[in-house]
Amino acid sequence: MNRRRPSRQRPMPSQAPRRGGQLRLIGGDFKRRRLPVLDSPGLRPTPDRVRETLFNWLATATPGARALDLFAGTGALGLEALSRGAAEACFVERDTRVARQLTSNLATLDVTARSRVITADVLAFLAGEPHPCSLVFLDPPFRQGLVEPCCARLEQHGWLTDEAFVYVEMESKAVPTVPASWALHRELRAGDTTARLYRRCVESANGDAC
């Protein structure tokens, strides 16, 4: 008498492990390098087309820059800046697992000497001791009212150099109120997202404008 072999129970879709995806760097020293990213709720890397346009805008500003990637997530923007010659980059990410993966990716690219990952709430971090940056990426979760308070703290707490660039990515229907010293430099809409690049301009000691 033939016996049926017990069938292996297949996990339900909700029980299957999340494998995550990949992030592809699109320019600079690490062009075409692919790095693993976690499948984490709300984690949405800036699209390739937007990153390519942004770093074309920043072509002369990125080499030698001190970059700050807030709500870093995959770290796509800060990693792209390092690839294109930024002197250093600081990534701030609250989710421990996501921050750990980002740390691993920085080690893979052998740029740990030029980077650091801070596991912290962004608003709390910006209330701490500042290190003025010439390039800031601000890509918070949508529809949580985080853009304006972050912009205010960047300006008021001394996080920006006199002519810093600040990139803001948010839902298209929202127009943020930013500090008076920031001028809109470039803007791009992609689907339900609008990318804005601001240039900070403060008068020098002798009264000359930027």
N, C-alpha and C. Protein backbone atom coordinates (compact mmCIF):
# COMPACT_ATOMS: atom_id res chain seq x y z
N MET A 1 0.84 -1.18 0.00
CA MET A 1 0.00 0.00 0.00
C MET A 1 0.89 1.24 0.00
N ASN A 2 0.64 2.07 -0.96
CA ASN A 2 1.42 3.30 -1.05
C ASN A 2 0.92 4.32 -0.03
N ARG A 3 1.87 4.96 0.62
CA ARG A 3 1.55 6.01 1.57
C ARG A 3 1.89 7.37 0.95
N ARG A 4 1.05 8.32 1.15
CA ARG A 4 1.36 9.68 0.71
C ARG A 4 2.41 10.30 1.61
N ARG A 5 3.34 10.93 0.97
CA ARG A 5 4.31 11.68 1.78
C ARG A 5 3.63 12.91 2.35
N PRO A 6 3.89 13.17 3.61
CA PRO A 6 3.26 14.37 4.20
C PRO A 6 3.70 15.61 3.43
N SER A 7 2.75 16.40 3.04
CA SER A 7 3.06 17.63 2.28
C SER A 7 3.65 18.68 3.20
N ARG A 8 4.60 19.42 2.65
CA ARG A 8 5.20 20.51 3.43
C ARG A 8 4.24 21.69 3.46
N GLN A 9 3.99 22.17 4.63
CA GLN A 9 3.07 23.28 4.77
C GLN A 9 3.74 24.56 4.30
N ARG A 10 3.12 25.22 3.36
CA ARG A 10 3.65 26.48 2.86
C ARG A 10 3.23 27.63 3.76
N PRO A 11 4.15 28.51 4.04
CA PRO A 11 3.78 29.64 4.91
C PRO A 11 2.76 30.53 4.22
N MET A 12 1.88 31.08 5.02
CA MET A 12 0.95 32.04 4.50
C MET A 12 1.72 33.27 4.06
N PRO A 13 1.19 34.04 3.09
CA PRO A 13 1.91 35.22 2.62
C PRO A 13 2.33 36.16 3.74
N SER A 14 1.49 36.30 4.74
CA SER A 14 1.82 37.21 5.84
C SER A 14 2.95 36.69 6.70
N GLN A 15 3.23 35.34 6.60
CA GLN A 15 4.29 34.75 7.41
C GLN A 15 5.63 34.73 6.68
N ALA A 16 5.60 34.95 5.38
CA ALA A 16 6.82 34.88 4.59
C ALA A 16 7.75 36.03 4.97
N PRO A 17 9.05 35.75 5.04
CA PRO A 17 9.98 36.81 5.41
C PRO A 17 10.05 37.89 4.34
N ARG A 18 10.22 39.11 4.78
CA ARG A 18 10.37 40.21 3.85
C ARG A 18 11.82 40.29 3.41
N ARG A 19 12.02 40.27 2.09
CA ARG A 19 13.38 40.20 1.57
C ARG A 19 13.97 41.58 1.29
N GLY A 20 13.13 42.59 1.13
CA GLY A 20 13.65 43.89 0.80
C GLY A 20 13.99 44.00 -0.67
N GLY A 21 14.73 45.03 -1.02
CA GLY A 21 15.06 45.27 -2.42
C GLY A 21 16.49 45.76 -2.55
N GLN A 22 16.72 46.52 -3.61
CA GLN A 22 18.05 47.04 -3.85
C GLN A 22 18.00 48.53 -4.19
N LEU A 23 19.06 49.21 -3.82
CA LEU A 23 19.25 50.61 -4.17
C LEU A 23 20.40 50.68 -5.16
N ARG A 24 20.18 51.36 -6.28
CA ARG A 24 21.23 51.51 -7.28
C ARG A 24 21.75 52.94 -7.25
N LEU A 25 23.05 53.08 -7.07
CA LEU A 25 23.67 54.40 -7.14
C LEU A 25 23.88 54.76 -8.61
N ILE A 26 23.67 56.02 -8.95
CA ILE A 26 23.56 56.36 -10.37
C ILE A 26 24.67 57.25 -10.90
N GLY A 27 25.60 57.67 -10.04
CA GLY A 27 26.68 58.52 -10.53
C GLY A 27 27.88 58.49 -9.62
N GLY A 28 29.01 59.00 -10.11
CA GLY A 28 30.19 59.13 -9.29
C GLY A 28 31.01 57.86 -9.17
N ASP A 29 31.81 57.76 -8.10
CA ASP A 29 32.72 56.65 -7.90
C ASP A 29 32.00 55.31 -7.80
N PHE A 30 30.79 55.31 -7.28
CA PHE A 30 30.06 54.06 -7.07
C PHE A 30 28.92 53.86 -8.06
N LYS A 31 29.05 54.48 -9.20
CA LYS A 31 28.01 54.39 -10.23
C LYS A 31 27.70 52.93 -10.55
N ARG A 32 26.40 52.62 -10.56
CA ARG A 32 25.85 51.30 -10.86
C ARG A 32 26.02 50.29 -9.72
N ARG A 33 26.60 50.70 -8.61
CA ARG A 33 26.67 49.78 -7.47
C ARG A 33 25.27 49.58 -6.91
N ARG A 34 24.97 48.36 -6.52
CA ARG A 34 23.67 48.02 -5.96
C ARG A 34 23.85 47.59 -4.51
N LEU A 35 22.99 48.13 -3.66
CA LEU A 35 23.08 47.86 -2.23
C LEU A 35 21.74 47.36 -1.72
N PRO A 36 21.74 46.43 -0.77
CA PRO A 36 20.47 45.92 -0.23
C PRO A 36 19.77 46.96 0.64
N VAL A 37 18.45 46.98 0.57
CA VAL A 37 17.64 47.82 1.46
C VAL A 37 16.55 46.96 2.07
N LEU A 38 16.13 47.32 3.25
CA LEU A 38 15.10 46.56 3.95
C LEU A 38 13.72 46.86 3.38
N ASP A 39 12.84 45.88 3.51
CA ASP A 39 11.43 46.09 3.22
C ASP A 39 10.79 46.57 4.52
N SER A 40 10.73 47.88 4.67
CA SER A 40 10.23 48.47 5.90
C SER A 40 9.12 49.45 5.57
N PRO A 41 8.03 49.47 6.35
CA PRO A 41 6.92 50.37 6.05
C PRO A 41 7.37 51.82 5.92
N GLY A 42 6.94 52.47 4.83
CA GLY A 42 7.25 53.89 4.64
C GLY A 42 8.62 54.16 4.06
N LEU A 43 9.40 53.12 3.85
CA LEU A 43 10.74 53.31 3.30
C LEU A 43 10.63 53.45 1.78
N ARG A 44 10.93 54.66 1.27
CA ARG A 44 10.74 54.91 -0.16
C ARG A 44 11.93 55.70 -0.69
N PRO A 45 12.88 55.01 -1.31
CA PRO A 45 14.05 55.72 -1.84
C PRO A 45 13.65 56.77 -2.86
N THR A 46 14.34 57.89 -2.87
CA THR A 46 14.11 58.91 -3.89
C THR A 46 14.33 58.29 -5.27
N PRO A 47 13.38 58.42 -6.20
CA PRO A 47 13.49 57.77 -7.51
C PRO A 47 14.77 58.16 -8.25
N ASP A 48 15.24 57.25 -9.10
CA ASP A 48 16.47 57.48 -9.86
C ASP A 48 16.42 58.79 -10.63
N ARG A 49 15.29 59.04 -11.31
CA ARG A 49 15.19 60.23 -12.15
C ARG A 49 15.33 61.50 -11.33
N VAL A 50 14.71 61.51 -10.14
CA VAL A 50 14.79 62.69 -9.28
C VAL A 50 16.22 62.86 -8.75
N ARG A 51 16.86 61.76 -8.36
CA ARG A 51 18.24 61.85 -7.87
C ARG A 51 19.18 62.35 -8.96
N GLU A 52 18.99 61.84 -10.17
CA GLU A 52 19.86 62.28 -11.25
C GLU A 52 19.71 63.77 -11.52
N THR A 53 18.47 64.25 -11.53
CA THR A 53 18.23 65.68 -11.74
C THR A 53 18.81 66.50 -10.60
N LEU A 54 18.56 66.07 -9.38
CA LEU A 54 19.06 66.80 -8.21
C LEU A 54 20.57 66.96 -8.26
N PHE A 55 21.28 65.88 -8.53
CA PHE A 55 22.74 65.96 -8.49
C PHE A 55 23.33 66.63 -9.73
N ASN A 56 22.54 66.73 -10.78
CA ASN A 56 22.95 67.62 -11.88
C ASN A 56 22.89 69.07 -11.41
N TRP A 57 21.84 69.42 -10.65
CA TRP A 57 21.74 70.77 -10.09
C TRP A 57 22.91 71.06 -9.15
N LEU A 58 23.35 70.01 -8.43
CA LEU A 58 24.36 70.18 -7.39
C LEU A 58 25.76 69.79 -7.87
N ALA A 59 25.97 69.75 -9.16
CA ALA A 59 27.22 69.23 -9.71
C ALA A 59 28.46 69.94 -9.16
N THR A 60 28.38 71.26 -8.98
CA THR A 60 29.55 71.98 -8.49
C THR A 60 29.55 72.13 -6.97
N ALA A 61 28.42 71.84 -6.34
CA ALA A 61 28.30 72.03 -4.89
C ALA A 61 28.65 70.77 -4.10
N THR A 62 28.55 69.60 -4.73
CA THR A 62 28.73 68.35 -3.99
C THR A 62 30.18 68.03 -3.66
N PRO A 63 31.13 68.16 -4.58
CA PRO A 63 32.52 67.83 -4.23
C PRO A 63 33.02 68.66 -3.04
N GLY A 64 33.51 67.96 -2.04
CA GLY A 64 34.02 68.63 -0.85
C GLY A 64 32.98 69.04 0.17
N ALA A 65 31.71 68.78 -0.10
CA ALA A 65 30.64 69.22 0.79
C ALA A 65 30.58 68.41 2.08
N ARG A 66 30.06 69.04 3.12
CA ARG A 66 29.66 68.32 4.32
C ARG A 66 28.15 68.13 4.22
N ALA A 67 27.70 66.88 4.08
CA ALA A 67 26.30 66.58 3.82
C ALA A 67 25.61 66.04 5.06
N LEU A 68 24.33 66.37 5.17
CA LEU A 68 23.49 65.90 6.27
C LEU A 68 22.22 65.31 5.67
N ASP A 69 22.00 64.01 5.87
CA ASP A 69 20.86 63.29 5.31
C ASP A 69 19.89 62.99 6.45
N LEU A 70 18.79 63.76 6.51
CA LEU A 70 17.81 63.64 7.59
C LEU A 70 16.67 62.71 7.17
N PHE A 71 16.15 61.93 8.12
CA PHE A 71 15.19 60.87 7.80
C PHE A 71 15.81 60.00 6.70
N ALA A 72 17.02 59.53 6.95
CA ALA A 72 17.86 58.98 5.90
C ALA A 72 17.26 57.75 5.21
N GLY A 73 16.61 56.87 5.96
CA GLY A 73 16.05 55.67 5.34
C GLY A 73 17.12 54.85 4.66
N THR A 74 17.01 54.64 3.36
CA THR A 74 18.01 53.88 2.61
C THR A 74 19.33 54.62 2.51
N GLY A 75 19.32 55.92 2.78
CA GLY A 75 20.53 56.72 2.64
C GLY A 75 20.85 57.07 1.20
N ALA A 76 19.86 56.94 0.31
CA ALA A 76 20.11 57.13 -1.12
C ALA A 76 20.77 58.46 -1.43
N LEU A 77 20.29 59.54 -0.80
CA LEU A 77 20.80 60.87 -1.12
C LEU A 77 22.19 61.09 -0.56
N GLY A 78 22.40 60.74 0.69
CA GLY A 78 23.73 60.89 1.27
C GLY A 78 24.76 59.99 0.60
N LEU A 79 24.37 58.77 0.26
CA LEU A 79 25.27 57.85 -0.44
C LEU A 79 25.64 58.39 -1.82
N GLU A 80 24.65 58.95 -2.49
CA GLU A 80 24.92 59.54 -3.81
C GLU A 80 25.88 60.71 -3.68
N ALA A 81 25.73 61.50 -2.61
CA ALA A 81 26.64 62.63 -2.38
C ALA A 81 28.06 62.13 -2.14
N LEU A 82 28.22 61.09 -1.33
CA LEU A 82 29.55 60.53 -1.09
C LEU A 82 30.15 59.99 -2.38
N SER A 83 29.33 59.34 -3.18
CA SER A 83 29.80 58.80 -4.46
C SER A 83 30.32 59.90 -5.37
N ARG A 84 29.72 61.09 -5.24
CA ARG A 84 30.06 62.21 -6.13
C ARG A 84 31.04 63.19 -5.49
N GLY A 85 31.70 62.76 -4.42
CA GLY A 85 32.82 63.55 -3.92
C GLY A 85 32.59 64.36 -2.67
N ALA A 86 31.45 64.19 -1.99
CA ALA A 86 31.26 64.89 -0.72
C ALA A 86 32.35 64.47 0.26
N ALA A 87 32.85 65.43 1.03
CA ALA A 87 33.93 65.14 1.96
C ALA A 87 33.46 64.25 3.11
N GLU A 88 32.22 64.44 3.53
CA GLU A 88 31.66 63.63 4.61
C GLU A 88 30.15 63.70 4.58
N ALA A 89 29.52 62.73 5.23
CA ALA A 89 28.06 62.70 5.29
C ALA A 89 27.62 62.11 6.62
N CYS A 90 26.61 62.75 7.20
CA CYS A 90 26.00 62.27 8.43
C CYS A 90 24.57 61.86 8.10
N PHE A 91 24.19 60.66 8.49
CA PHE A 91 22.86 60.11 8.24
C PHE A 91 22.11 60.01 9.57
N VAL A 92 20.90 60.54 9.62
CA VAL A 92 20.10 60.47 10.84
C VAL A 92 18.84 59.65 10.54
N GLU A 93 18.67 58.55 11.25
CA GLU A 93 17.56 57.64 11.01
C GLU A 93 17.10 57.06 12.35
N ARG A 94 15.80 57.15 12.62
CA ARG A 94 15.27 56.70 13.91
C ARG A 94 15.14 55.19 14.02
N ASP A 95 14.80 54.51 12.93
CA ASP A 95 14.55 53.07 12.94
C ASP A 95 15.88 52.32 13.07
N THR A 96 16.02 51.55 14.14
CA THR A 96 17.30 50.87 14.42
C THR A 96 17.67 49.89 13.33
N ARG A 97 16.73 49.12 12.83
CA ARG A 97 17.02 48.13 11.79
C ARG A 97 17.48 48.81 10.50
N VAL A 98 16.79 49.86 10.13
CA VAL A 98 17.14 50.59 8.91
C VAL A 98 18.52 51.23 9.06
N ALA A 99 18.79 51.81 10.22
CA ALA A 99 20.09 52.42 10.47
C ALA A 99 21.21 51.38 10.42
N ARG A 100 20.93 50.18 10.92
CA ARG A 100 21.93 49.11 10.91
C ARG A 100 22.27 48.69 9.47
N GLN A 101 21.23 48.60 8.63
CA GLN A 101 21.48 48.24 7.23
C GLN A 101 22.28 49.33 6.52
N LEU A 102 21.96 50.58 6.82
CA LEU A 102 22.69 51.69 6.23
C LEU A 102 24.16 51.65 6.65
N THR A 103 24.41 51.38 7.92
CA THR A 103 25.79 51.26 8.41
C THR A 103 26.54 50.17 7.66
N SER A 104 25.86 49.04 7.43
CA SER A 104 26.46 47.94 6.69
C SER A 104 26.79 48.35 5.26
N ASN A 105 25.89 49.10 4.62
CA ASN A 105 26.13 49.53 3.24
C ASN A 105 27.30 50.50 3.14
N LEU A 106 27.44 51.36 4.13
CA LEU A 106 28.58 52.28 4.15
C LEU A 106 29.89 51.51 4.28
N ALA A 107 29.87 50.44 5.08
CA ALA A 107 31.07 49.60 5.21
C ALA A 107 31.37 48.88 3.90
N THR A 108 30.32 48.43 3.21
CA THR A 108 30.50 47.77 1.91
C THR A 108 31.21 48.68 0.92
N LEU A 109 30.84 49.96 0.95
CA LEU A 109 31.45 50.93 0.03
C LEU A 109 32.79 51.47 0.55
N ASP A 110 33.17 51.06 1.75
CA ASP A 110 34.43 51.48 2.37
C ASP A 110 34.50 53.01 2.53
N VAL A 111 33.39 53.58 3.03
CA VAL A 111 33.37 55.03 3.26
C VAL A 111 33.06 55.36 4.72
N THR A 112 33.31 54.42 5.61
CA THR A 112 33.00 54.67 7.02
C THR A 112 33.85 55.79 7.60
N ALA A 113 35.03 56.02 7.04
CA ALA A 113 35.88 57.11 7.53
C ALA A 113 35.30 58.48 7.19
N ARG A 114 34.41 58.53 6.20
CA ARG A 114 33.82 59.80 5.77
C ARG A 114 32.35 59.91 6.15
N SER A 115 31.87 59.01 7.00
CA SER A 115 30.42 59.00 7.27
C SER A 115 30.14 58.54 8.69
N ARG A 116 28.94 58.84 9.14
CA ARG A 116 28.46 58.31 10.41
C ARG A 116 26.95 58.21 10.35
N VAL A 117 26.41 57.26 11.08
CA VAL A 117 24.98 57.04 11.15
C VAL A 117 24.54 57.31 12.59
N ILE A 118 23.58 58.21 12.74
CA ILE A 118 23.05 58.54 14.06
C ILE A 118 21.64 57.96 14.15
N THR A 119 21.41 57.11 15.13
CA THR A 119 20.08 56.55 15.35
C THR A 119 19.36 57.45 16.34
N ALA A 120 18.50 58.32 15.82
CA ALA A 120 17.85 59.31 16.68
C ALA A 120 16.65 59.91 15.97
N ASP A 121 15.77 60.52 16.76
CA ASP A 121 14.68 61.32 16.22
C ASP A 121 15.29 62.59 15.62
N VAL A 122 14.86 62.96 14.43
CA VAL A 122 15.49 64.07 13.72
C VAL A 122 15.33 65.39 14.46
N LEU A 123 14.13 65.70 14.95
CA LEU A 123 13.92 66.97 15.64
C LEU A 123 14.76 67.05 16.91
N ALA A 124 14.89 65.93 17.61
CA ALA A 124 15.73 65.91 18.80
C ALA A 124 17.20 66.11 18.42
N PHE A 125 17.61 65.48 17.35
CA PHE A 125 18.99 65.63 16.87
C PHE A 125 19.28 67.08 16.52
N LEU A 126 18.36 67.73 15.82
CA LEU A 126 18.58 69.11 15.38
C LEU A 126 18.58 70.10 16.55
N ALA A 127 18.09 69.68 17.70
CA ALA A 127 18.13 70.53 18.89
C ALA A 127 19.47 70.43 19.61
N GLY A 128 20.33 69.51 19.14
CA GLY A 128 21.63 69.31 19.78
C GLY A 128 22.71 70.22 19.22
N GLU A 129 23.95 69.85 19.53
CA GLU A 129 25.09 70.67 19.10
C GLU A 129 25.23 70.63 17.58
N PRO A 130 25.25 71.79 16.93
CA PRO A 130 25.28 71.80 15.46
C PRO A 130 26.68 71.64 14.88
N HIS A 131 26.72 71.09 13.68
CA HIS A 131 27.92 71.05 12.86
C HIS A 131 27.51 71.59 11.50
N PRO A 132 27.84 72.84 11.17
CA PRO A 132 27.33 73.47 9.96
C PRO A 132 27.62 72.65 8.70
N CYS A 133 26.59 72.48 7.89
CA CYS A 133 26.67 71.67 6.68
C CYS A 133 26.37 72.54 5.46
N SER A 134 26.99 72.18 4.35
CA SER A 134 26.76 72.93 3.12
C SER A 134 25.71 72.27 2.23
N LEU A 135 25.30 71.05 2.59
CA LEU A 135 24.35 70.30 1.78
C LEU A 135 23.47 69.48 2.71
N VAL A 136 22.16 69.76 2.70
CA VAL A 136 21.23 69.06 3.59
C VAL A 136 20.11 68.44 2.76
N PHE A 137 19.79 67.18 3.07
CA PHE A 137 18.69 66.47 2.42
C PHE A 137 17.61 66.23 3.46
N LEU A 138 16.40 66.68 3.16
CA LEU A 138 15.28 66.58 4.09
C LEU A 138 14.13 65.86 3.39
N ASP A 139 13.92 64.60 3.74
CA ASP A 139 12.90 63.77 3.10
C ASP A 139 12.11 63.02 4.17
N PRO A 140 11.24 63.74 4.92
CA PRO A 140 10.52 63.10 6.02
C PRO A 140 9.32 62.30 5.53
N PRO A 141 8.73 61.49 6.40
CA PRO A 141 7.47 60.83 6.04
C PRO A 141 6.43 61.88 5.66
N PHE A 142 5.64 61.56 4.66
CA PHE A 142 4.65 62.51 4.17
C PHE A 142 3.52 62.71 5.18
N ARG A 143 2.93 63.90 5.10
CA ARG A 143 1.70 64.24 5.82
C ARG A 143 1.81 64.11 7.34
N GLN A 144 2.99 64.41 7.86
CA GLN A 144 3.17 64.40 9.31
C GLN A 144 3.63 65.76 9.84
N GLY A 145 3.63 66.78 8.98
CA GLY A 145 3.96 68.12 9.42
C GLY A 145 5.37 68.30 9.92
N LEU A 146 6.32 67.57 9.33
CA LEU A 146 7.69 67.60 9.84
C LEU A 146 8.60 68.57 9.09
N VAL A 147 8.23 68.95 7.88
CA VAL A 147 9.14 69.77 7.07
C VAL A 147 9.42 71.13 7.71
N GLU A 148 8.38 71.86 8.08
CA GLU A 148 8.58 73.23 8.56
C GLU A 148 9.35 73.29 9.88
N PRO A 149 9.03 72.44 10.89
CA PRO A 149 9.84 72.51 12.11
C PRO A 149 11.29 72.11 11.88
N CYS A 150 11.54 71.19 10.95
CA CYS A 150 12.92 70.82 10.64
C CYS A 150 13.65 71.98 9.98
N CYS A 151 13.00 72.64 9.04
CA CYS A 151 13.61 73.80 8.37
C CYS A 151 13.94 74.89 9.39
N ALA A 152 13.02 75.13 10.31
CA ALA A 152 13.24 76.16 11.32
C ALA A 152 14.44 75.82 12.20
N ARG A 153 14.56 74.56 12.60
CA ARG A 153 15.69 74.20 13.46
C ARG A 153 17.02 74.22 12.70
N LEU A 154 17.00 73.83 11.45
CA LEU A 154 18.22 73.93 10.65
C LEU A 154 18.73 75.37 10.64
N GLU A 155 17.80 76.31 10.45
CA GLU A 155 18.17 77.72 10.36
C GLU A 155 18.54 78.30 11.72
N GLN A 156 17.74 78.02 12.72
CA GLN A 156 17.89 78.69 14.02
C GLN A 156 19.00 78.09 14.88
N HIS A 157 19.33 76.83 14.66
CA HIS A 157 20.30 76.16 15.54
C HIS A 157 21.69 76.08 14.93
N GLY A 158 21.91 76.75 13.80
CA GLY A 158 23.27 76.84 13.28
C GLY A 158 23.75 75.64 12.49
N TRP A 159 22.84 74.93 11.84
CA TRP A 159 23.24 73.73 11.09
C TRP A 159 23.69 74.04 9.67
N LEU A 160 23.55 75.27 9.20
CA LEU A 160 23.79 75.58 7.80
C LEU A 160 24.95 76.57 7.62
N THR A 161 25.76 76.32 6.60
CA THR A 161 26.74 77.32 6.20
C THR A 161 26.02 78.47 5.50
N ASP A 162 26.71 79.57 5.27
CA ASP A 162 26.07 80.77 4.73
C ASP A 162 25.36 80.52 3.40
N GLU A 163 25.94 79.69 2.54
CA GLU A 163 25.37 79.47 1.22
C GLU A 163 24.98 78.01 1.02
N ALA A 164 24.48 77.40 2.07
CA ALA A 164 24.11 75.99 2.01
C ALA A 164 22.95 75.74 1.05
N PHE A 165 22.94 74.53 0.49
CA PHE A 165 21.79 74.05 -0.27
C PHE A 165 20.98 73.12 0.61
N VAL A 166 19.65 73.27 0.55
CA VAL A 166 18.76 72.40 1.32
C VAL A 166 17.75 71.80 0.35
N TYR A 167 17.75 70.47 0.26
CA TYR A 167 16.82 69.76 -0.60
C TYR A 167 15.64 69.29 0.25
N VAL A 168 14.42 69.58 -0.21
CA VAL A 168 13.20 69.19 0.51
C VAL A 168 12.32 68.37 -0.41
N GLU A 169 11.94 67.19 0.04
CA GLU A 169 11.05 66.32 -0.74
C GLU A 169 9.77 66.10 0.07
N MET A 170 8.61 66.42 -0.54
CA MET A 170 7.35 66.28 0.18
C MET A 170 6.20 66.10 -0.80
N GLU A 171 5.01 65.86 -0.26
CA GLU A 171 3.84 65.66 -1.10
C GLU A 171 3.56 66.90 -1.94
N SER A 172 3.09 66.67 -3.17
CA SER A 172 2.99 67.76 -4.15
C SER A 172 2.02 68.86 -3.75
N LYS A 173 0.95 68.55 -3.04
CA LYS A 173 -0.05 69.56 -2.74
C LYS A 173 0.38 70.52 -1.64
N ALA A 174 1.48 70.22 -0.98
CA ALA A 174 1.93 71.05 0.14
C ALA A 174 3.03 72.00 -0.32
N VAL A 175 2.96 73.24 0.15
CA VAL A 175 4.01 74.23 -0.11
C VAL A 175 4.52 74.70 1.25
N PRO A 176 5.76 74.38 1.60
CA PRO A 176 6.23 74.70 2.95
C PRO A 176 6.58 76.17 3.13
N THR A 177 6.47 76.62 4.36
CA THR A 177 7.00 77.92 4.73
C THR A 177 8.42 77.72 5.21
N VAL A 178 9.37 78.34 4.54
CA VAL A 178 10.78 78.14 4.88
C VAL A 178 11.36 79.46 5.39
N PRO A 179 12.53 79.42 6.02
CA PRO A 179 13.13 80.66 6.53
C PRO A 179 13.33 81.70 5.43
N ALA A 180 13.28 82.95 5.83
CA ALA A 180 13.35 84.06 4.87
C ALA A 180 14.67 84.10 4.11
N SER A 181 15.71 83.52 4.68
CA SER A 181 17.02 83.55 4.03
C SER A 181 17.17 82.45 2.97
N TRP A 182 16.15 81.63 2.78
CA TRP A 182 16.21 80.57 1.78
C TRP A 182 15.50 81.00 0.51
N ALA A 183 16.14 80.82 -0.61
CA ALA A 183 15.53 81.12 -1.91
C ALA A 183 15.35 79.82 -2.68
N LEU A 184 14.20 79.68 -3.32
CA LEU A 184 13.96 78.48 -4.14
C LEU A 184 14.88 78.53 -5.35
N HIS A 185 15.71 77.51 -5.49
CA HIS A 185 16.70 77.46 -6.56
C HIS A 185 16.22 76.62 -7.75
N ARG A 186 15.62 75.46 -7.47
CA ARG A 186 15.10 74.58 -8.50
C ARG A 186 13.90 73.81 -7.94
N GLU A 187 13.06 73.31 -8.83
CA GLU A 187 11.87 72.55 -8.41
C GLU A 187 11.55 71.50 -9.45
N LEU A 188 11.11 70.33 -8.99
CA LEU A 188 10.76 69.23 -9.88
C LEU A 188 9.58 68.47 -9.29
N ARG A 189 8.59 68.17 -10.12
CA ARG A 189 7.46 67.36 -9.67
C ARG A 189 7.54 65.99 -10.32
N ALA A 190 7.34 64.95 -9.51
CA ALA A 190 7.35 63.57 -9.99
C ALA A 190 6.22 62.82 -9.31
N GLY A 191 5.12 62.61 -10.03
CA GLY A 191 3.97 61.94 -9.44
C GLY A 191 3.38 62.76 -8.32
N ASP A 192 3.22 62.15 -7.15
CA ASP A 192 2.65 62.87 -6.01
C ASP A 192 3.72 63.51 -5.13
N THR A 193 4.93 63.62 -5.67
CA THR A 193 6.05 64.18 -4.92
C THR A 193 6.59 65.43 -5.60
N THR A 194 6.90 66.44 -4.82
CA THR A 194 7.59 67.61 -5.34
C THR A 194 8.95 67.74 -4.65
N ALA A 195 9.99 67.88 -5.46
CA ALA A 195 11.34 68.06 -4.97
C ALA A 195 11.72 69.53 -5.13
N ARG A 196 12.16 70.15 -4.04
CA ARG A 196 12.57 71.55 -4.08
C ARG A 196 13.98 71.70 -3.55
N LEU A 197 14.78 72.46 -4.27
CA LEU A 197 16.13 72.75 -3.82
C LEU A 197 16.22 74.23 -3.47
N TYR A 198 16.55 74.51 -2.21
CA TYR A 198 16.67 75.88 -1.74
C TYR A 198 18.16 76.24 -1.57
N ARG A 199 18.44 77.52 -1.75
CA ARG A 199 19.79 78.03 -1.52
C ARG A 199 19.72 79.05 -0.40
N ARG A 200 20.50 78.85 0.63
CA ARG A 200 20.54 79.81 1.73
C ARG A 200 21.44 80.97 1.33
N CYS A 201 21.02 82.16 1.63
CA CYS A 201 21.80 83.34 1.26
C CYS A 201 21.76 84.34 2.41
N VAL A 202 22.88 84.53 3.05
CA VAL A 202 22.96 85.54 4.12
C VAL A 202 24.03 86.56 3.74
N GLU A 203 23.87 87.76 4.20
CA GLU A 203 24.82 88.81 3.89
C GLU A 203 26.13 88.56 4.63
N SER A 204 27.21 88.85 3.97
CA SER A 204 28.52 88.71 4.58
C SER A 204 28.76 89.88 5.55
N ALA A 205 29.87 89.82 6.26
CA ALA A 205 30.17 90.83 7.27
C ALA A 205 30.28 92.23 6.67
N ASN A 206 30.71 92.31 5.41
CA ASN A 206 30.85 93.63 4.78
C ASN A 206 29.60 94.08 4.06
N GLY A 207 28.51 93.31 4.24
CA GLY A 207 27.22 93.72 3.68
C GLY A 207 26.94 93.21 2.28
N ASP A 208 27.87 92.44 1.69
CA ASP A 208 27.66 91.91 0.36
C ASP A 208 26.66 90.76 0.40
N ALA A 209 25.76 90.74 -0.58
CA ALA A 209 24.79 89.65 -0.68
C ALA A 209 25.45 88.45 -1.36
N CYS A 210 24.82 87.29 -1.23
CA CYS A 210 25.34 86.08 -1.88
C CYS A 210 25.28 86.21 -3.39
